[in-house]
Protein backbone atom coordinates (compact mmCIF):
# COMPACT_ATOMS: atom_id res chain seq x y z
CA PRO A 1 -28.63 -52.91 -34.08
CA PRO A 2 -30.18 -50.24 -31.88
CA PRO A 3 -33.54 -50.89 -30.23
CA THR A 4 -36.64 -49.81 -32.13
CA SER A 5 -40.01 -48.45 -31.03
CA LEU A 6 -41.81 -51.39 -32.65
CA PRO A 7 -43.70 -53.95 -30.58
CA PRO A 8 -41.29 -56.69 -29.46
CA ARG A 9 -42.94 -59.40 -31.59
CA LEU A 10 -42.76 -57.27 -34.74
CA ASP A 11 -39.21 -56.20 -34.00
CA LYS A 12 -38.11 -59.84 -33.63
CA ALA A 13 -39.90 -60.82 -36.88
CA LEU A 14 -38.23 -57.95 -38.78
CA ARG A 15 -34.79 -58.94 -37.47
CA ARG A 16 -35.42 -62.57 -38.48
CA LEU A 17 -36.59 -61.49 -41.95
CA LEU A 18 -33.30 -59.61 -42.45
CA ALA A 19 -31.09 -62.34 -40.94
CA LYS A 20 -28.05 -63.30 -42.98
CA THR A 21 -28.09 -66.99 -42.16
CA PRO A 22 -30.81 -69.00 -43.89
CA GLU A 23 -31.45 -71.14 -40.78
CA GLU A 24 -32.48 -68.04 -38.78
CA ARG A 25 -34.29 -66.25 -41.60
CA LEU A 26 -38.09 -65.89 -41.45
CA ASP A 27 -40.03 -66.37 -44.67
CA ILE A 28 -42.28 -63.68 -46.12
CA LYS A 29 -45.47 -65.55 -45.19
CA GLY A 30 -44.47 -65.67 -41.54
CA PHE A 31 -43.59 -62.00 -41.57
CA ILE A 32 -46.93 -61.02 -43.13
CA GLU A 33 -48.75 -63.04 -40.46
CA THR A 34 -46.83 -61.07 -37.83
CA LEU A 35 -47.74 -57.79 -39.53
CA GLU A 36 -51.43 -58.69 -39.39
CA ASN A 37 -51.26 -59.18 -35.62
CA PRO A 38 -48.08 -57.52 -34.24
CA TYR A 39 -49.06 -57.85 -30.56
CA GLY A 40 -49.85 -61.59 -30.64
CA LYS A 41 -53.12 -63.27 -29.76
CA LYS A 42 -55.60 -61.36 -27.65
CA GLU A 43 -56.53 -62.66 -24.23
CA GLY A 44 -59.29 -65.19 -24.44
CA GLU A 45 -58.89 -65.64 -28.17
CA THR A 46 -59.19 -69.26 -29.18
CA PRO A 47 -58.64 -70.81 -32.59
CA SER A 48 -61.84 -71.37 -34.51
CA LYS A 49 -63.12 -74.91 -34.57
CA ARG A 50 -63.50 -76.52 -37.96
CA LYS A 51 -66.91 -77.91 -38.63
CA GLY A 52 -66.83 -81.48 -39.78
CA PHE A 53 -68.99 -82.94 -42.50
CA PRO A 54 -72.60 -82.96 -41.32
CA PHE A 55 -73.78 -86.54 -41.47
CA TRP A 56 -77.39 -85.65 -40.82
CA ARG A 57 -78.95 -82.68 -42.50
CA LYS A 58 -82.24 -81.16 -41.50
């Protein structure tokens, strides 16, 4: 296929979504996650920490 003008991450996800072999195929959920953030994580972005159960409440 010819190159596209899409960001590389989005282009790769689209090609995987349309792959013929099931082993290479990306599921819809993974593709939607790529659509939400086509350029990847921003610099300095860290995953949010989950707050545990507070044992002591004020």
